[in-house]
């Protein structure tokens, strides 16, 4: 049970706008479809790495 609690400490960046572009990147949270699918199985370290990539992805799209 502690493992589940530990894995859920990094909050999802989902904003409820789930629209993908041609590169399979969500235009709401800027995660890839694979990152979204894998989110709850990722370690907090992996989640933090994904979150660190999001601002650059947003800049590329807009």
N, C-alpha and C. Protein backbone atom coordinates (compact mmCIF):
# COMPACT_ATOMS: atom_id res chain seq x y z
N UNK A 1 0.82 -1.20 0.00
CA UNK A 1 0.00 0.00 0.00
C UNK A 1 0.86 1.26 0.00
N UNK A 2 1.97 1.24 0.70
CA UNK A 2 2.85 2.40 0.72
C UNK A 2 3.43 2.69 -0.66
N UNK A 3 3.68 1.63 -1.45
CA UNK A 3 4.20 1.84 -2.79
C UNK A 3 3.22 2.62 -3.64
N UNK A 4 1.94 2.31 -3.54
CA UNK A 4 0.92 3.03 -4.30
C UNK A 4 0.90 4.50 -3.90
N UNK A 5 0.94 4.76 -2.61
CA UNK A 5 0.91 6.14 -2.13
C UNK A 5 2.13 6.90 -2.63
N UNK A 6 3.29 6.28 -2.59
CA UNK A 6 4.51 6.92 -3.05
C UNK A 6 4.45 7.23 -4.54
N UNK A 7 3.90 6.33 -5.33
CA UNK A 7 3.83 6.52 -6.77
C UNK A 7 2.86 7.64 -7.15
N UNK A 8 1.94 7.97 -6.31
CA UNK A 8 0.92 8.95 -6.68
C UNK A 8 1.23 10.36 -6.18
N UNK A 9 2.43 10.61 -5.67
CA UNK A 9 2.72 11.92 -5.10
C UNK A 9 2.99 12.99 -6.15
N UNK A 10 3.36 12.62 -7.36
CA UNK A 10 3.55 13.59 -8.43
C UNK A 10 2.21 13.71 -9.17
N UNK A 11 1.64 14.88 -9.11
CA UNK A 11 0.31 15.09 -9.68
C UNK A 11 0.35 15.09 -11.20
N UNK A 12 -0.67 14.52 -11.79
CA UNK A 12 -0.79 14.49 -13.25
C UNK A 12 -1.00 15.91 -13.78
N UNK A 13 -0.36 16.24 -14.90
CA UNK A 13 -0.56 17.56 -15.50
C UNK A 13 -1.82 17.66 -16.37
N UNK A 14 -2.64 16.63 -16.35
CA UNK A 14 -3.85 16.61 -17.17
C UNK A 14 -4.75 17.80 -16.86
N UNK A 15 -5.24 18.44 -17.92
CA UNK A 15 -6.17 19.57 -17.77
C UNK A 15 -7.53 19.26 -18.36
N UNK A 16 -7.72 18.00 -18.76
CA UNK A 16 -9.02 17.58 -19.27
C UNK A 16 -9.28 17.95 -20.72
N UNK A 17 -8.25 18.36 -21.45
CA UNK A 17 -8.36 18.67 -22.87
C UNK A 17 -7.54 17.62 -23.61
N UNK A 18 -8.18 16.54 -23.99
CA UNK A 18 -7.47 15.40 -24.57
C UNK A 18 -7.62 15.39 -26.08
N UNK A 19 -6.76 16.14 -26.74
CA UNK A 19 -6.73 16.18 -28.19
C UNK A 19 -5.28 15.99 -28.62
N UNK A 20 -5.07 15.01 -29.51
CA UNK A 20 -3.72 14.68 -29.94
C UNK A 20 -3.41 15.29 -31.30
N UNK A 21 -2.15 15.70 -31.45
CA UNK A 21 -1.70 16.19 -32.76
C UNK A 21 -1.14 15.01 -33.55
N UNK A 22 -0.53 15.28 -34.70
CA UNK A 22 0.00 14.22 -35.56
C UNK A 22 1.15 13.45 -34.92
N UNK A 23 1.83 14.06 -33.96
CA UNK A 23 2.95 13.41 -33.28
C UNK A 23 2.50 12.66 -32.02
N UNK A 24 1.19 12.51 -31.84
CA UNK A 24 0.64 11.81 -30.66
C UNK A 24 0.95 12.54 -29.35
N UNK A 25 0.99 13.88 -29.40
CA UNK A 25 1.18 14.69 -28.21
C UNK A 25 -0.15 15.37 -27.88
N UNK A 26 -0.55 15.25 -26.63
CA UNK A 26 -1.80 15.87 -26.19
C UNK A 26 -1.65 17.38 -26.19
N UNK A 27 -2.60 18.07 -26.78
CA UNK A 27 -2.55 19.53 -26.84
C UNK A 27 -3.03 20.18 -25.54
N UNK A 28 -3.46 19.38 -24.58
CA UNK A 28 -3.86 19.91 -23.28
C UNK A 28 -2.73 19.86 -22.27
N UNK A 29 -2.10 18.70 -22.14
CA UNK A 29 -1.05 18.55 -21.12
C UNK A 29 0.35 18.38 -21.72
N UNK A 30 0.43 18.19 -23.04
CA UNK A 30 1.68 18.08 -23.78
C UNK A 30 2.47 16.80 -23.50
N UNK A 31 1.78 15.79 -22.95
CA UNK A 31 2.40 14.48 -22.81
C UNK A 31 2.10 13.66 -24.05
N UNK A 32 2.96 12.67 -24.30
CA UNK A 32 2.69 11.74 -25.40
C UNK A 32 1.60 10.77 -24.96
N UNK A 33 0.99 10.11 -25.93
CA UNK A 33 -0.05 9.14 -25.58
C UNK A 33 0.55 8.03 -24.71
N UNK A 34 1.79 7.63 -24.97
CA UNK A 34 2.45 6.60 -24.16
C UNK A 34 2.67 7.09 -22.73
N UNK A 35 3.11 8.32 -22.57
CA UNK A 35 3.32 8.87 -21.22
C UNK A 35 2.02 8.92 -20.44
N UNK A 36 0.94 9.26 -21.11
CA UNK A 36 -0.37 9.31 -20.44
C UNK A 36 -0.78 7.91 -20.01
N UNK A 37 -0.63 6.95 -20.91
CA UNK A 37 -0.99 5.57 -20.61
C UNK A 37 -0.16 5.00 -19.47
N UNK A 38 1.12 5.32 -19.45
CA UNK A 38 2.04 4.76 -18.45
C UNK A 38 2.09 5.54 -17.14
N UNK A 39 1.44 6.69 -17.06
CA UNK A 39 1.60 7.62 -15.94
C UNK A 39 1.49 6.95 -14.57
N UNK A 40 0.46 6.17 -14.34
CA UNK A 40 0.24 5.61 -13.01
C UNK A 40 1.22 4.49 -12.66
N UNK A 41 1.93 3.97 -13.64
CA UNK A 41 2.95 2.95 -13.39
C UNK A 41 4.35 3.54 -13.30
N UNK A 42 4.49 4.83 -13.61
CA UNK A 42 5.81 5.48 -13.57
C UNK A 42 6.24 5.77 -12.15
N UNK A 43 7.55 5.78 -11.96
CA UNK A 43 8.10 6.21 -10.67
C UNK A 43 7.98 7.73 -10.58
N UNK A 44 8.09 8.26 -9.38
CA UNK A 44 8.04 9.71 -9.22
C UNK A 44 9.17 10.39 -9.99
N UNK A 45 10.32 9.74 -10.05
CA UNK A 45 11.45 10.29 -10.80
C UNK A 45 11.11 10.39 -12.28
N UNK A 46 10.51 9.35 -12.83
CA UNK A 46 10.12 9.37 -14.25
C UNK A 46 9.04 10.42 -14.51
N UNK A 47 8.10 10.54 -13.59
CA UNK A 47 7.05 11.56 -13.74
C UNK A 47 7.66 12.96 -13.75
N UNK A 48 8.61 13.19 -12.86
CA UNK A 48 9.28 14.49 -12.79
C UNK A 48 10.04 14.79 -14.08
N UNK A 49 10.65 13.77 -14.67
CA UNK A 49 11.35 13.95 -15.95
C UNK A 49 10.37 14.36 -17.05
N UNK A 50 9.22 13.71 -17.09
CA UNK A 50 8.21 14.06 -18.09
C UNK A 50 7.74 15.49 -17.88
N UNK A 51 7.44 15.84 -16.66
CA UNK A 51 6.96 17.20 -16.36
C UNK A 51 8.00 18.24 -16.77
N UNK A 52 9.28 17.93 -16.60
CA UNK A 52 10.34 18.86 -16.99
C UNK A 52 10.37 19.09 -18.51
N UNK A 53 9.90 18.13 -19.29
CA UNK A 53 9.88 18.24 -20.75
C UNK A 53 8.70 19.05 -21.28
N UNK A 54 7.66 19.19 -20.49
CA UNK A 54 6.41 19.77 -20.98
C UNK A 54 6.53 21.22 -21.46
N UNK A 55 7.23 22.11 -20.76
CA UNK A 55 7.32 23.49 -21.25
C UNK A 55 7.94 23.60 -22.65
N UNK A 56 8.97 22.81 -22.91
CA UNK A 56 9.59 22.83 -24.23
C UNK A 56 8.64 22.31 -25.30
N UNK A 57 7.88 21.28 -24.98
CA UNK A 57 6.90 20.76 -25.94
C UNK A 57 5.83 21.80 -26.24
N UNK A 58 5.41 22.51 -25.21
CA UNK A 58 4.40 23.54 -25.39
C UNK A 58 4.94 24.63 -26.33
N UNK A 59 6.19 25.02 -26.12
CA UNK A 59 6.81 26.05 -26.97
C UNK A 59 6.87 25.58 -28.43
N UNK A 60 7.17 24.30 -28.64
CA UNK A 60 7.24 23.76 -30.00
C UNK A 60 5.88 23.81 -30.70
N UNK A 61 4.82 23.60 -29.95
CA UNK A 61 3.48 23.54 -30.53
C UNK A 61 2.87 24.93 -30.72
N UNK A 62 3.30 25.90 -29.92
CA UNK A 62 2.68 27.22 -30.00
C UNK A 62 3.69 28.27 -30.25
